[in-house]
Each structure stands twice: as C-alpha cells, then as structure tokens.
C-alpha cells in the first residue's frame, strides 16, 4: 500500500497513481480488507473536482455530497464545547 499511496494518518491513504491502476488497487483493497479496517482512500482523478473519496467499514466520519463535491464531515468542536 505505502508503495502506491501516501498515508497521512493511520488508515487514510491518498493515491497519486494513474486512474486505472488506482482503480485496480482500490478494488483489491475492498476484496482483501475486512470491514472493521475503517479504510479511507482519497483518489486523484482527472475529472472535476479532481478527487474521489472511498470509505470502507467504520471510518468514524461520513462523506457528504455538497454541490457535486464529496466532503468529509468532521465533528464540530465549537458546537460541543461547554460554556
């Protein structure tokens, strides 16, 4: 995995390889990794917006589609803060 993808944090992989190769690697991951792996793949693609987000298992975050963009929903810390 680390040969083809950058892992900025555990279980988060970012690809920079050709689209067709990335598709093969991602397909292999979906077949080989258990759902509890909590895997994220941010794939660089040539079409707009330039990336695709893949999540598998319990990733502890959701992906929202906003105006055609895939965005990772982060917890709003200001909302949960106690005064």
C-alpha atoms as a PDB file:
ATOM      1  CA  UNK A   1       0.000   0.000   0.000  1.00  0.00           C
ATOM      2  CA  UNK A   2       2.637   2.516   1.002  1.00  0.00           C
ATOM      3  CA  UNK A   3       4.372   1.960  -2.336  1.00  0.00           C
ATOM      4  CA  UNK A   4       1.439   3.499  -4.263  1.00  0.00           C
ATOM      5  CA  UNK A   5      -0.331   5.633  -1.685  1.00  0.00           C
ATOM      6  CA  UNK A   6       0.636   8.293   0.842  1.00  0.00           C
ATOM      7  CA  UNK A   7      -0.687   7.554   4.346  1.00  0.00           C
ATOM      8  CA  UNK A   8      -1.022  10.961   6.087  1.00  0.00           C
ATOM      9  CA  UNK A   9      -2.505   9.268   9.151  1.00  0.00           C
ATOM     10  CA  UNK A  10      -3.339   5.664  10.032  1.00  0.00           C
ATOM     11  CA  UNK A  11      -5.834   4.047   7.657  1.00  0.00           C
ATOM     12  CA  UNK A  12      -6.003   7.133   5.391  1.00  0.00           C
ATOM     13  CA  UNK A  13      -4.380   6.567   2.001  1.00  0.00           C
ATOM     14  CA  UNK A  14      -4.029   9.173  -0.751  1.00  0.00           C
ATOM     15  CA  UNK A  15      -3.231   7.992  -4.257  1.00  0.00           C
ATOM     16  CA  UNK A  16      -1.133   9.760  -6.848  1.00  0.00           C
ATOM     17  CA  UNK A  17      -1.024   6.965  -9.399  1.00  0.00           C
ATOM     18  CA  UNK A  18      -2.767   6.601 -12.759  1.00  0.00           C
ATOM     19  CA  UNK A  19      -6.560   6.276 -12.537  1.00  0.00           C
ATOM     20  CA  UNK A  20      -6.734   2.752 -13.966  1.00  0.00           C
ATOM     21  CA  UNK A  21      -4.014   1.466 -11.602  1.00  0.00           C
ATOM     22  CA  UNK A  22      -5.658   3.159  -8.611  1.00  0.00           C
ATOM     23  CA  UNK A  23      -8.995   1.541  -9.528  1.00  0.00           C
ATOM     24  CA  UNK A  24      -7.309  -1.888  -9.512  1.00  0.00           C
ATOM     25  CA  UNK A  25      -5.631  -1.255  -6.150  1.00  0.00           C
ATOM     26  CA  UNK A  26      -8.868   0.039  -4.610  1.00  0.00           C
ATOM     27  CA  UNK A  27     -10.791  -2.970  -5.933  1.00  0.00           C
ATOM     28  CA  UNK A  28      -8.140  -5.244  -4.390  1.00  0.00           C
ATOM     29  CA  UNK A  29      -8.445  -3.408  -1.053  1.00  0.00           C
ATOM     30  CA  UNK A  30     -12.224  -3.780  -0.995  1.00  0.00           C
ATOM     31  CA  UNK A  31     -11.846  -7.512  -1.627  1.00  0.00           C
ATOM     32  CA  UNK A  32      -8.993  -8.039   0.863  1.00  0.00           C
ATOM     33  CA  UNK A  33      -9.608  -5.709   3.822  1.00  0.00           C
ATOM     34  CA  UNK A  34     -12.153  -6.567   6.496  1.00  0.00           C
ATOM     35  CA  UNK A  35     -14.956  -4.021   7.085  1.00  0.00           C
ATOM     36  CA  UNK A  36     -13.585  -3.208  10.548  1.00  0.00           C
ATOM     37  CA  UNK A  37     -10.434  -1.764   8.928  1.00  0.00           C
ATOM     38  CA  UNK A  38     -12.059   1.676   8.674  1.00  0.00           C
ATOM     39  CA  UNK A  39     -10.239   2.399   5.412  1.00  0.00           C
ATOM     40  CA  UNK A  40     -10.259   5.780   3.608  1.00  0.00           C
ATOM     41  CA  UNK A  41      -8.829   6.288   0.110  1.00  0.00           C
ATOM     42  CA  UNK A  42      -8.689   9.755  -1.454  1.00  0.00           C
ATOM     43  CA  UNK A  43      -8.097   9.103  -5.140  1.00  0.00           C
ATOM     44  CA  UNK A  44      -6.788  11.763  -7.514  1.00  0.00           C
ATOM     45  CA  UNK A  45      -8.765  11.670 -10.772  1.00  0.00           C
ATOM     46  CA  UNK A  46      -8.721  13.693 -14.000  1.00  0.00           C
ATOM     47  CA  UNK A  47     -12.408  14.619 -13.919  1.00  0.00           C
ATOM     48  CA  UNK A  48     -13.739  17.502 -11.821  1.00  0.00           C
ATOM     49  CA  UNK A  49     -13.384  18.016  -8.878  1.00  0.00           C
ATOM     50  CA  UNK A  50     -10.056  16.159  -9.190  1.00  0.00           C
ATOM     51  CA  UNK A  51     -10.580  13.553  -6.462  1.00  0.00           C
ATOM     52  CA  UNK A  52     -12.827  10.716  -5.336  1.00  0.00           C
ATOM     53  CA  UNK A  53     -13.233   9.569  -1.746  1.00  0.00           C
ATOM     54  CA  UNK A  54     -13.619   5.894  -0.919  1.00  0.00           C
ATOM     55  CA  UNK A  55     -14.529   4.711   2.575  1.00  0.00           C
ATOM     56  CA  UNK A  56     -14.896   1.211   3.895  1.00  0.00           C
ATOM     57  CA  UNK A  57     -16.132  -0.034   7.233  1.00  0.00           C
ATOM     58  CA  UNK A  58     -16.381   2.141  10.328  1.00  0.00           C
ATOM     59  CA  UNK A  59     -14.414   5.208   9.241  1.00  0.00           C
ATOM     60  CA  UNK A  60     -15.778   7.275  12.179  1.00  0.00           C
ATOM     61  CA  UNK A  61     -16.728  10.027   9.726  1.00  0.00           C
ATOM     62  CA  UNK A  62     -19.285  10.458   6.970  1.00  0.00           C
ATOM     63  CA  UNK A  63     -18.893  11.684   3.405  1.00  0.00           C
ATOM     64  CA  UNK A  64     -21.410  14.323   2.331  1.00  0.00           C
ATOM     65  CA  UNK A  65     -22.169  15.255  -1.270  1.00  0.00           C
ATOM     66  CA  UNK A  66     -22.428  19.069  -1.478  1.00  0.00           C
ATOM     67  CA  UNK A  67     -22.834  20.688  -4.888  1.00  0.00           C
ATOM     68  CA  UNK A  68     -21.296  17.653  -6.562  1.00  0.00           C
ATOM     69  CA  UNK A  69     -18.265  17.619  -4.225  1.00  0.00           C
ATOM     70  CA  UNK A  70     -17.517  14.808  -1.822  1.00  0.00           C
ATOM     71  CA  UNK A  71     -16.638  16.289   1.569  1.00  0.00           C
ATOM     72  CA  UNK A  72     -15.611  14.548   4.777  1.00  0.00           C
ATOM     73  CA  UNK A  73     -17.864  15.585   7.655  1.00  0.00           C
ATOM     74  CA  UNK A  74     -15.801  16.495  10.715  1.00  0.00           C
ATOM     75  CA  UNK A  75     -17.172  16.838  14.216  1.00  0.00           C
ATOM     76  CA  UNK A  76     -17.983  20.469  15.061  1.00  0.00           C
ATOM     77  CA  UNK A  77     -15.940  21.058  18.203  1.00  0.00           C
ATOM     78  CA  UNK A  78     -17.343  24.554  18.841  1.00  0.00           C
ATOM     79  CA  UNK A  79     -20.862  23.173  18.938  1.00  0.00           C
ATOM     80  CA  UNK A  80     -19.999  20.506  21.519  1.00  0.00           C
ATOM     81  CA  UNK A  81     -17.965  22.806  23.774  1.00  0.00           C
ATOM     82  CA  UNK A  82     -19.440  23.507  27.166  1.00  0.00           C
ATOM     83  CA  UNK A  83     -19.522  27.168  28.282  1.00  0.00           C
END
